[in-house]
Amino acid sequence: MHNSEWVLLLLDGLEEQRPLCDVENSLRNLVKIHIAKLLETKRTYWKQRNTIKWVKLGDENSKVFQAMASISHKKNSIGSLTIPGGTSK
């Protein structure tokens, strides 16, 4: 990740001095795609790690697990609906 960011900064600095040629532009696009893939992999890793943590904590402390489920349920419910005539149900 660090090396990819360094190459991208180098190419950005070069672009400030002069227009990039086609090969340099292609390299810059490849590096940006590579950084995006690395960030997605990192996000997936931490998401999976967090899921494992909550499964373990949920088994140990059912009050915490039930509180999180209640909060999620309240967020997913619909309080009221408005009919096009303007009345609420």
PDB file of N, CA and C in Angstrom:
ATOM      1  N   MET A   1       0.838  -1.182   0.000  1.00  0.00           N
ATOM      2  CA  MET A   1       0.000   0.000   0.000  1.00  0.00           C
ATOM      3  C   MET A   1       0.886   1.250   0.000  1.00  0.00           C
ATOM      4  N   HIS A   2       1.870   1.245   0.873  1.00  0.00           N
ATOM      5  CA  HIS A   2       2.763   2.401   0.983  1.00  0.00           C
ATOM      6  C   HIS A   2       3.486   2.661  -0.339  1.00  0.00           C
ATOM      7  N   ASN A   3       3.987   1.605  -0.950  1.00  0.00           N
ATOM      8  CA  ASN A   3       4.717   1.759  -2.216  1.00  0.00           C
ATOM      9  C   ASN A   3       3.800   2.271  -3.335  1.00  0.00           C
ATOM     10  N   SER A   4       2.572   1.780  -3.363  1.00  0.00           N
ATOM     11  CA  SER A   4       1.624   2.231  -4.386  1.00  0.00           C
ATOM     12  C   SER A   4       1.298   3.710  -4.218  1.00  0.00           C
ATOM     13  N   GLU A   5       1.094   4.125  -2.981  1.00  0.00           N
ATOM     14  CA  GLU A   5       0.816   5.542  -2.729  1.00  0.00           C
ATOM     15  C   GLU A   5       2.012   6.407  -3.098  1.00  0.00           C
ATOM     16  N   TRP A   6       3.209   5.900  -2.847  1.00  0.00           N
ATOM     17  CA  TRP A   6       4.429   6.641  -3.182  1.00  0.00           C
ATOM     18  C   TRP A   6       4.535   6.833  -4.698  1.00  0.00           C
ATOM     19  N   VAL A   7       4.268   5.779  -5.468  1.00  0.00           N
ATOM     20  CA  VAL A   7       4.321   5.865  -6.928  1.00  0.00           C
ATOM     21  C   VAL A   7       3.268   6.850  -7.427  1.00  0.00           C
ATOM     22  N   LEU A   8       2.081   6.812  -6.846  1.00  0.00           N
ATOM     23  CA  LEU A   8       1.021   7.729  -7.249  1.00  0.00           C
ATOM     24  C   LEU A   8       1.406   9.182  -6.962  1.00  0.00           C
ATOM     25  N   LEU A   9       2.006   9.436  -5.803  1.00  0.00           N
ATOM     26  CA  LEU A   9       2.472  10.789  -5.478  1.00  0.00           C
ATOM     27  C   LEU A   9       3.563  11.241  -6.438  1.00  0.00           C
ATOM     28  N   LEU A  10       4.450  10.323  -6.793  1.00  0.00           N
ATOM     29  CA  LEU A  10       5.522  10.627  -7.734  1.00  0.00           C
ATOM     30  C   LEU A  10       4.948  11.015  -9.104  1.00  0.00           C
ATOM     31  N   LEU A  11       3.970  10.248  -9.568  1.00  0.00           N
ATOM     32  CA  LEU A  11       3.354  10.552 -10.860  1.00  0.00           C
ATOM     33  C   LEU A  11       2.547  11.849 -10.803  1.00  0.00           C
ATOM     34  N   ASP A  12       1.895  12.122  -9.673  1.00  0.00           N
ATOM     35  CA  ASP A  12       1.164  13.386  -9.524  1.00  0.00           C
ATOM     36  C   ASP A  12       2.120  14.577  -9.567  1.00  0.00           C
ATOM     37  N   GLY A  13       3.271  14.429  -8.905  1.00  0.00           N
ATOM     38  CA  GLY A  13       4.269  15.490  -8.933  1.00  0.00           C
ATOM     39  C   GLY A  13       4.818  15.714 -10.327  1.00  0.00           C
ATOM     40  N   LEU A  14       5.018  14.636 -11.045  1.00  0.00           N
ATOM     41  CA  LEU A  14       5.506  14.725 -12.414  1.00  0.00           C
ATOM     42  C   LEU A  14       4.464  15.396 -13.316  1.00  0.00           C
ATOM     43  N   GLU A  15       3.190  15.093 -13.054  1.00  0.00           N
ATOM     44  CA  GLU A  15       2.117  15.674 -13.863  1.00  0.00           C
ATOM     45  C   GLU A  15       1.996  17.183 -13.630  1.00  0.00           C
ATOM     46  N   GLU A  16       2.349  17.641 -12.444  1.00  0.00           N
ATOM     47  CA  GLU A  16       2.325  19.080 -12.172  1.00  0.00           C
ATOM     48  C   GLU A  16       3.382  19.817 -12.987  1.00  0.00           C
ATOM     49  N   GLN A  17       4.475  19.127 -13.312  1.00  0.00           N
ATOM     50  CA  GLN A  17       5.566  19.746 -14.059  1.00  0.00           C
ATOM     51  C   GLN A  17       5.341  19.691 -15.565  1.00  0.00           C
ATOM     52  N   ARG A  18       4.747  18.591 -16.048  1.00  0.00           N
ATOM     53  CA  ARG A  18       4.514  18.407 -17.478  1.00  0.00           C
ATOM     54  C   ARG A  18       3.400  17.398 -17.679  1.00  0.00           C
ATOM     55  N   PRO A  19       2.785  17.384 -18.852  1.00  0.00           N
ATOM     56  CA  PRO A  19       1.749  16.368 -19.115  1.00  0.00           C
ATOM     57  C   PRO A  19       2.360  14.965 -19.146  1.00  0.00           C
ATOM     58  N   LEU A  20       1.632  13.997 -18.622  1.00  0.00           N
ATOM     59  CA  LEU A  20       2.117  12.614 -18.618  1.00  0.00           C
ATOM     60  C   LEU A  20       1.953  11.990 -20.009  1.00  0.00           C
ATOM     61  N   CYS A  21       2.911  11.131 -20.372  1.00  0.00           N
ATOM     62  CA  CYS A  21       2.786  10.405 -21.636  1.00  0.00           C
ATOM     63  C   CYS A  21       1.800   9.247 -21.441  1.00  0.00           C
ATOM     64  N   ASP A  22       1.466   8.545 -22.501  1.00  0.00           N
ATOM     65  CA  ASP A  22       0.463   7.473 -22.446  1.00  0.00           C
ATOM     66  C   ASP A  22       0.877   6.354 -21.493  1.00  0.00           C
ATOM     67  N   VAL A  23       2.149   5.980 -21.502  1.00  0.00           N
ATOM     68  CA  VAL A  23       2.636   4.903 -20.632  1.00  0.00           C
ATOM     69  C   VAL A  23       2.523   5.323 -19.164  1.00  0.00           C
ATOM     70  N   GLU A  24       2.904   6.557 -18.873  1.00  0.00           N
ATOM     71  CA  GLU A  24       2.820   7.061 -17.493  1.00  0.00           C
ATOM     72  C   GLU A  24       1.361   7.166 -17.044  1.00  0.00           C
ATOM     73  N   ASN A  25       0.500   7.591 -17.939  1.00  0.00           N
ATOM     74  CA  ASN A  25      -0.920   7.675 -17.623  1.00  0.00           C
ATOM     75  C   ASN A  25      -1.507   6.296 -17.345  1.00  0.00           C
ATOM     76  N   SER A  26      -1.109   5.310 -18.137  1.00  0.00           N
ATOM     77  CA  SER A  26      -1.569   3.936 -17.934  1.00  0.00           C
ATOM     78  C   SER A  26      -1.079   3.396 -16.588  1.00  0.00           C
ATOM     79  N   LEU A  27       0.170   3.676 -16.270  1.00  0.00           N
ATOM     80  CA  LEU A  27       0.729   3.249 -14.985  1.00  0.00           C
ATOM     81  C   LEU A  27      -0.046   3.886 -13.832  1.00  0.00           C
ATOM     82  N   ARG A  28      -0.350   5.161 -13.966  1.00  0.00           N
ATOM     83  CA  ARG A  28      -1.097   5.878 -12.928  1.00  0.00           C
ATOM     84  C   ARG A  28      -2.474   5.244 -12.721  1.00  0.00           C
ATOM     85  N   ASN A  29      -3.162   4.906 -13.819  1.00  0.00           N
ATOM     86  CA  ASN A  29      -4.471   4.261 -13.712  1.00  0.00           C
ATOM     87  C   ASN A  29      -4.367   2.877 -13.073  1.00  0.00           C
ATOM     88  N   LEU A  30      -3.348   2.116 -13.444  1.00  0.00           N
ATOM     89  CA  LEU A  30      -3.149   0.793 -12.849  1.00  0.00           C
ATOM     90  C   LEU A  30      -2.881   0.885 -11.353  1.00  0.00           C
ATOM     91  N   VAL A  31      -2.079   1.867 -10.957  1.00  0.00           N
ATOM     92  CA  VAL A  31      -1.765   2.049  -9.535  1.00  0.00           C
ATOM     93  C   VAL A  31      -3.023   2.439  -8.766  1.00  0.00           C
ATOM     94  N   LYS A  32      -3.860   3.298  -9.342  1.00  0.00           N
ATOM     95  CA  LYS A  32      -5.103   3.693  -8.680  1.00  0.00           C
ATOM     96  C   LYS A  32      -6.039   2.495  -8.506  1.00  0.00           C
ATOM     97  N   ILE A  33      -6.131   1.655  -9.523  1.00  0.00           N
ATOM     98  CA  ILE A  33      -6.955   0.445  -9.444  1.00  0.00           C
ATOM     99  C   ILE A  33      -6.404  -0.493  -8.377  1.00  0.00           C
ATOM    100  N   HIS A  34      -5.081  -0.630  -8.331  1.00  0.00           N
ATOM    101  CA  HIS A  34      -4.440  -1.499  -7.340  1.00  0.00           C
ATOM    102  C   HIS A  34      -4.710  -0.995  -5.922  1.00  0.00           C
ATOM    103  N   ILE A  35      -4.625   0.294  -5.706  1.00  0.00           N
ATOM    104  CA  ILE A  35      -4.906   0.870  -4.383  1.00  0.00           C
ATOM    105  C   ILE A  35      -6.362   0.623  -3.997  1.00  0.00           C
ATOM    106  N   ALA A  36      -7.276   0.770  -4.937  1.00  0.00           N
ATOM    107  CA  ALA A  36      -8.693   0.531  -4.658  1.00  0.00           C
ATOM    108  C   ALA A  36      -8.928  -0.924  -4.253  1.00  0.00           C
ATOM    109  N   LYS A  37      -8.265  -1.864  -4.930  1.00  0.00           N
ATOM    110  CA  LYS A  37      -8.396  -3.282  -4.582  1.00  0.00           C
ATOM    111  C   LYS A  37      -7.829  -3.560  -3.195  1.00  0.00           C
ATOM    112  N   LEU A  38      -6.681  -2.950  -2.886  1.00  0.00           N
ATOM    113  CA  LEU A  38      -6.087  -3.137  -1.564  1.00  0.00           C
ATOM    114  C   LEU A  38      -6.994  -2.601  -0.466  1.00  0.00           C
ATOM    115  N   LEU A  39      -7.595  -1.439  -0.694  1.00  0.00           N
ATOM    116  CA  LEU A  39      -8.506  -0.860   0.298  1.00  0.00           C
ATOM    117  C   LEU A  39      -9.746  -1.726   0.489  1.00  0.00           C
ATOM    118  N   GLU A  40     -10.265  -2.295  -0.599  1.00  0.00           N
ATOM    119  CA  GLU A  40     -11.428  -3.171  -0.493  1.00  0.00           C
ATOM    120  C   GLU A  40     -11.084  -4.443   0.275  1.00  0.00           C
ATOM    121  N   THR A  41      -9.903  -4.996   0.032  1.00  0.00           N
ATOM    122  CA  THR A  41      -9.451  -6.177   0.758  1.00  0.00           C
ATOM    123  C   THR A  41      -9.308  -5.875   2.246  1.00  0.00           C
ATOM    124  N   LYS A  42      -8.754  -4.718   2.553  1.00  0.00           N
ATOM    125  CA  LYS A  42      -8.586  -4.308   3.954  1.00  0.00           C
ATOM    126  C   LYS A  42      -9.945  -4.120   4.627  1.00  0.00           C
ATOM    127  N   ARG A  43     -10.900  -3.506   3.919  1.00  0.00           N
ATOM    128  CA  ARG A  43     -12.237  -3.302   4.470  1.00  0.00           C
ATOM    129  C   ARG A  43     -12.922  -4.637   4.741  1.00  0.00           C
ATOM    130  N   THR A  44     -12.789  -5.577   3.810  1.00  0.00           N
ATOM    131  CA  THR A  44     -13.385  -6.904   3.978  1.00  0.00           C
ATOM    132  C   THR A  44     -12.771  -7.631   5.167  1.00  0.00           C
ATOM    133  N   TYR A  45     -11.458  -7.528   5.330  1.00  0.00           N
ATOM    134  CA  TYR A  45     -10.764  -8.156   6.453  1.00  0.00           C
ATOM    135  C   TYR A  45     -11.319  -7.648   7.775  1.00  0.00           C
ATOM    136  N   TRP A  46     -11.430  -6.327   7.919  1.00  0.00           N
ATOM    137  CA  TRP A  46     -11.889  -5.763   9.181  1.00  0.00           C
ATOM    138  C   TRP A  46     -13.369  -6.042   9.411  1.00  0.00           C
ATOM    139  N   LYS A  47     -14.162  -6.115   8.348  1.00  0.00           N
ATOM    140  CA  LYS A  47     -15.577  -6.442   8.491  1.00  0.00           C
ATOM    141  C   LYS A  47     -15.742  -7.872   9.003  1.00  0.00           C
ATOM    142  N   GLN A  48     -14.980  -8.803   8.440  1.00  0.00           N
ATOM    143  CA  GLN A  48     -15.044 -10.191   8.895  1.00  0.00           C
ATOM    144  C   GLN A  48     -14.548 -10.314  10.327  1.00  0.00           C
ATOM    145  N   ARG A  49     -13.505  -9.590  10.643  1.00  0.00           N
ATOM    146  CA  ARG A  49     -12.952  -9.646  11.993  1.00  0.00           C
ATOM    147  C   ARG A  49     -13.960  -9.103  13.008  1.00  0.00           C
ATOM    148  N   ASN A  50     -14.668  -8.040  12.665  1.00  0.00           N
ATOM    149  CA  ASN A  50     -15.678  -7.467  13.541  1.00  0.00           C
ATOM    150  C   ASN A  50     -16.840  -8.442  13.736  1.00  0.00           C
ATOM    151  N   THR A  51     -17.232  -9.157  12.668  1.00  0.00           N
ATOM    152  CA  THR A  51     -18.313 -10.136  12.773  1.00  0.00           C
ATOM    153  C   THR A  51     -17.942 -11.244  13.746  1.00  0.00           C
ATOM    154  N   ILE A  52     -16.718 -11.726  13.651  1.00  0.00           N
ATOM    155  CA  ILE A  52     -16.251 -12.776  14.556  1.00  0.00           C
ATOM    156  C   ILE A  52     -16.270 -12.273  15.992  1.00  0.00           C
ATOM    157  N   LYS A  53     -15.859 -11.030  16.196  1.00  0.00           N
ATOM    158  CA  LYS A  53     -15.844 -10.438  17.536  1.00  0.00           C
ATOM    159  C   LYS A  53     -17.253 -10.400  18.119  1.00  0.00           C
ATOM    160  N   TRP A  54     -18.234  -9.970  17.308  1.00  0.00           N
ATOM    161  CA  TRP A  54     -19.590  -9.866  17.823  1.00  0.00           C
ATOM    162  C   TRP A  54     -20.217 -11.227  18.089  1.00  0.00           C
ATOM    163  N   VAL A  55     -19.856 -12.220  17.308  1.00  0.00           N
ATOM    164  CA  VAL A  55     -20.371 -13.566  17.571  1.00  0.00           C
ATOM    165  C   VAL A  55     -19.852 -14.055  18.913  1.00  0.00           C
ATOM    166  N   LYS A  56     -18.580 -13.846  19.178  1.00  0.00           N
ATOM    167  CA  LYS A  56     -18.004 -14.263  20.459  1.00  0.00           C
ATOM    168  C   LYS A  56     -18.608 -13.482  21.618  1.00  0.00           C
ATOM    169  N   LEU A  57     -18.729 -12.155  21.483  1.00  0.00           N
ATOM    170  CA  LEU A  57     -19.284 -11.346  22.566  1.00  0.00           C
ATOM    171  C   LEU A  57     -20.765 -11.643  22.775  1.00  0.00           C
ATOM    172  N   GLY A  58     -21.476 -11.907  21.698  1.00  0.00           N
ATOM    173  CA  GLY A  58     -22.896 -12.215  21.813  1.00  0.00           C
ATOM    174  C   GLY A  58     -23.135 -13.489  22.601  1.00  0.00           C
ATOM    175  N   ASP A  59     -22.246 -14.468  22.435  1.00  0.00           N
ATOM    176  CA  ASP A  59     -22.373 -15.708  23.189  1.00  0.00           C
ATOM    177  C   ASP A  59     -22.043 -15.499  24.659  1.00  0.00           C
ATOM    178  N   GLU A  60     -21.087 -14.636  24.947  1.00  0.00           N
ATOM    179  CA  GLU A  60     -20.669 -14.411  26.326  1.00  0.00           C
ATOM    180  C   GLU A  60     -21.648 -13.507  27.071  1.00  0.00           C
ATOM    181  N   ASN A  61     -22.174 -12.498  26.402  1.00  0.00           N
ATOM    182  CA  ASN A  61     -23.001 -11.515  27.068  1.00  0.00           C
ATOM    183  C   ASN A  61     -24.288 -11.340  26.268  1.00  0.00           C
ATOM    184  N   SER A  62     -25.311 -12.105  26.616  1.00  0.00           N
ATOM    185  CA  SER A  62     -26.539 -12.076  25.815  1.00  0.00           C
ATOM    186  C   SER A  62     -27.269 -10.741  25.922  1.00  0.00           C
ATOM    187  N   LYS A  63     -27.090  -9.977  27.019  1.00  0.00           N
ATOM    188  CA  LYS A  63     -27.741  -8.672  27.130  1.00  0.00           C
ATOM    189  C   LYS A  63     -27.227  -7.722  26.053  1.00  0.00           C
ATOM    190  N   VAL A  64     -25.930  -7.729  25.796  1.00  0.00           N
ATOM    191  CA  VAL A  64     -25.346  -6.881  24.762  1.00  0.00           C
ATOM    192  C   VAL A  64     -25.882  -7.295  23.392  1.00  0.00           C
ATOM    193  N   PHE A  65     -25.916  -8.589  23.154  1.00  0.00           N
ATOM    194  CA  PHE A  65     -26.386  -9.101  21.879  1.00  0.00           C
ATOM    195  C   PHE A  65     -27.852  -8.736  21.651  1.00  0.00           C
ATOM    196  N   GLN A  66     -28.688  -8.890  22.669  1.00  0.00           N
ATOM    197  CA  GLN A  66     -30.111  -8.569  22.553  1.00  0.00           C
ATOM    198  C   GLN A  66     -30.324  -7.067  22.363  1.00  0.00           C
ATOM    199  N   ALA A  67     -29.512  -6.243  23.038  1.00  0.00           N
ATOM    200  CA  ALA A  67     -29.627  -4.791  22.883  1.00  0.00           C
ATOM    201  C   ALA A  67     -29.299  -4.381  21.448  1.00  0.00           C
ATOM    202  N   MET A  68     -28.260  -4.960  20.864  1.00  0.00           N
ATOM    203  CA  MET A  68     -27.900  -4.645  19.482  1.00  0.00           C
ATOM    204  C   MET A  68     -29.006  -5.076  18.523  1.00  0.00           C
ATOM    205  N   ALA A  69     -29.625  -6.240  18.772  1.00  0.00           N
ATOM    206  CA  ALA A  69     -30.710  -6.715  17.918  1.00  0.00           C
ATOM    207  C   ALA A  69     -31.919  -5.792  18.035  1.00  0.00           C
ATOM    208  N   SER A  70     -32.215  -5.310  19.236  1.00  0.00           N
ATOM    209  CA  SER A  70     -33.342  -4.397  19.433  1.00  0.00           C
ATOM    210  C   SER A  70     -33.120  -3.077  18.710  1.00  0.00           C
ATOM    211  N   ILE A  71     -31.911  -2.560  18.782  1.00  0.00           N
ATOM    212  CA  ILE A  71     -31.583  -1.307  18.102  1.00  0.00           C
ATOM    213  C   ILE A  71     -31.747  -1.475  16.592  1.00  0.00           C
ATOM    214  N   SER A  72     -31.248  -2.581  16.056  1.00  0.00           N
ATOM    215  CA  SER A  72     -31.375  -2.839  14.613  1.00  0.00           C
ATOM    216  C   SER A  72     -32.849  -2.952  14.218  1.00  0.00           C
ATOM    217  N   HIS A  73     -33.638  -3.608  15.043  1.00  0.00           N
ATOM    218  CA  HIS A  73     -35.059  -3.780  14.735  1.00  0.00           C
ATOM    219  C   HIS A  73     -35.777  -2.429  14.718  1.00  0.00           C
ATOM    220  N   LYS A  74     -35.458  -1.557  15.658  1.00  0.00           N
ATOM    221  CA  LYS A  74     -36.096  -0.241  15.710  1.00  0.00           C
ATOM    222  C   LYS A  74     -35.718   0.603  14.496  1.00  0.00           C
ATOM    223  N   LYS A  75     -34.473   0.477  14.029  1.00  0.00           N
ATOM    224  CA  LYS A  75     -34.041   1.234  12.856  1.00  0.00           C
ATOM    225  C   LYS A  75     -34.748   0.755  11.594  1.00  0.00           C
ATOM    226  N   ASN A  76     -35.066  -0.533  11.539  1.00  0.00           N
ATOM    227  CA  ASN A  76     -35.645  -1.120  10.327  1.00  0.00           C
ATOM    228  C   ASN A  76     -37.163  -1.032  10.277  1.00  0.00           C
ATOM    229  N   SER A  77     -37.820  -0.494  11.290  1.00  0.00           N
ATOM    230  CA  SER A  77     -39.279  -0.419  11.285  1.00  0.00           C
ATOM    231  C   SER A  77     -39.744   0.923  10.712  1.00  0.00           C
ATOM    232  N   ILE A  78     -40.980   0.928  10.204  1.00  0.00           N
ATOM    233  CA  ILE A  78     -41.569   2.141   9.627  1.00  0.00           C
ATOM    234  C   ILE A  78     -42.580   2.678  10.633  1.00  0.00           C
ATOM    235  N   GLY A  79     -42.406   3.916  11.050  1.00  0.00           N
ATOM    236  CA  GLY A  79     -43.265   4.522  12.054  1.00  0.00           C
ATOM    237  C   GLY A  79     -44.657   4.838  11.526  1.00  0.00           C
ATOM    238  N   SER A  80     -44.756   5.476  10.375  1.00  0.00           N
ATOM    239  CA  SER A  80     -46.060   5.804   9.799  1.00  0.00           C
ATOM    240  C   SER A  80     -45.918   5.986   8.283  1.00  0.00           C
ATOM    241  N   LEU A  81     -47.041   5.856   7.607  1.00  0.00           N
ATOM    242  CA  LEU A  81     -47.090   6.050   6.152  1.00  0.00           C
ATOM    243  C   LEU A  81     -48.032   7.198   5.854  1.00  0.00           C
ATOM    244  N   THR A  82     -47.734   7.955   4.825  1.00  0.00           N
ATOM    245  CA  THR A  82     -48.584   9.059   4.410  1.00  0.00           C
ATOM    246  C   THR A  82     -49.240   8.711   3.080  1.00  0.00           C
ATOM    247  N   ILE A  83     -50.566   8.803   3.043  1.00  0.00           N
ATOM    248  CA  ILE A  83     -51.332   8.526   1.829  1.00  0.00           C
ATOM    249  C   ILE A  83     -51.268   9.788   0.960  1.00  0.00           C
ATOM    250  N   PRO A  84     -51.253   9.657  -0.378  1.00  0.00           N
ATOM    251  CA  PRO A  84     -51.137  10.836  -1.238  1.00  0.00           C
ATOM    252  C   PRO A  84     -52.147  11.947  -0.921  1.00  0.00           C
ATOM    253  N   GLY A  85     -53.286  11.637  -0.297  1.00  0.00           N
ATOM    254  CA  GLY A  85     -54.256  12.663   0.074  1.00  0.00           C
ATOM    255  C   GLY A  85     -53.786  13.513   1.250  1.00  0.00           C
ATOM    256  N   GLY A  86     -52.730  13.098   1.947  1.00  0.00           N
ATOM    257  CA  GLY A  86     -52.170  13.872   3.039  1.00  0.00           C
ATOM    258  C   GLY A  86     -52.458  13.312   4.416  1.00  0.00           C
ATOM    259  N   THR A  87     -53.224  12.241   4.523  1.00  0.00           N
ATOM    260  CA  THR A  87     -53.496  11.672   5.834  1.00  0.00           C
ATOM    261  C   THR A  87     -52.475  10.600   6.171  1.00  0.00           C
ATOM    262  N   SER A  88     -52.244  10.424   7.445  1.00  0.00           N
ATOM    263  CA  SER A  88     -51.262   9.425   7.906  1.00  0.00           C
ATOM    264  C   SER A  88     -51.980   8.197   8.431  1.00  0.00           C
ATOM    265  N   LYS A  89     -51.325   7.068   8.296  1.00  0.00           N
ATOM    266  CA  LYS A  89     -51.860   5.812   8.845  1.00  0.00           C
ATOM    267  C   LYS A  89     -50.890   5.260   9.846  1.00  0.00           C
TER     268      LYS A  89
END
